[in-house]
Amino acid sequence: MMEDSRVVKALKEKFPDSVLEVTTLRDLKDELTVRVKKENIVDICSYLKKEFKFNLLSDLCGVHYPDRDEKFEVVYHIFSVDAKERLRLKAGLKEGEKVNTVTSVWGTADWHEREAFDLLGIVFEGHPNLKRILLPDDWTGHPLRKDYPYRSKDAEPEVK
């Protein structure tokens, strides 16, 4: 079913080298996840918005996988209000790599990307105002990274 999706077929036809993998959730076979190359994320998002009316970026988040080559993943949850259809896009990043902002496609990406930057350190190239959104400006590090120290340097020694 997932390979038969009209959206997947169109994406593979339009961006044959950028669609890396298509999967579904075990219990939700109609919710597709398409893993794409980060280099084409803006073009892919623009295409999906224009051609398939994915007019809502309902969420954008990041995930840290310290043991992988691509240590970060940006996850875009998009929704077509007209077709009542969901699609999840994922783009992997190596440490220090950047991904282009999708704020030109969906204005809501502004704060979502700032949150991913603030908490994980993912840099969105071309973002109009990429600065911390939740933590103070002088905060050091990105606390949702799995290698972030979970205890303060000033804390009492851990009792074992």
Foldseek 3Di string as FASTA:
>chain_A
DQCPDPLNVVCCVVPVPFFDDWDDDPVGRQEIETETELACVQVSLQCCCVPVVQQDQPAWAKAAQPVDQQGMKIKTWTARPVVRGIYIYIYTHGPPDAGAQNCVRPVVSLVRVLLRCQQPVHHHPPRPDNAHDPDDRPDPDHNNHPPPDPDDPPDDDDDD
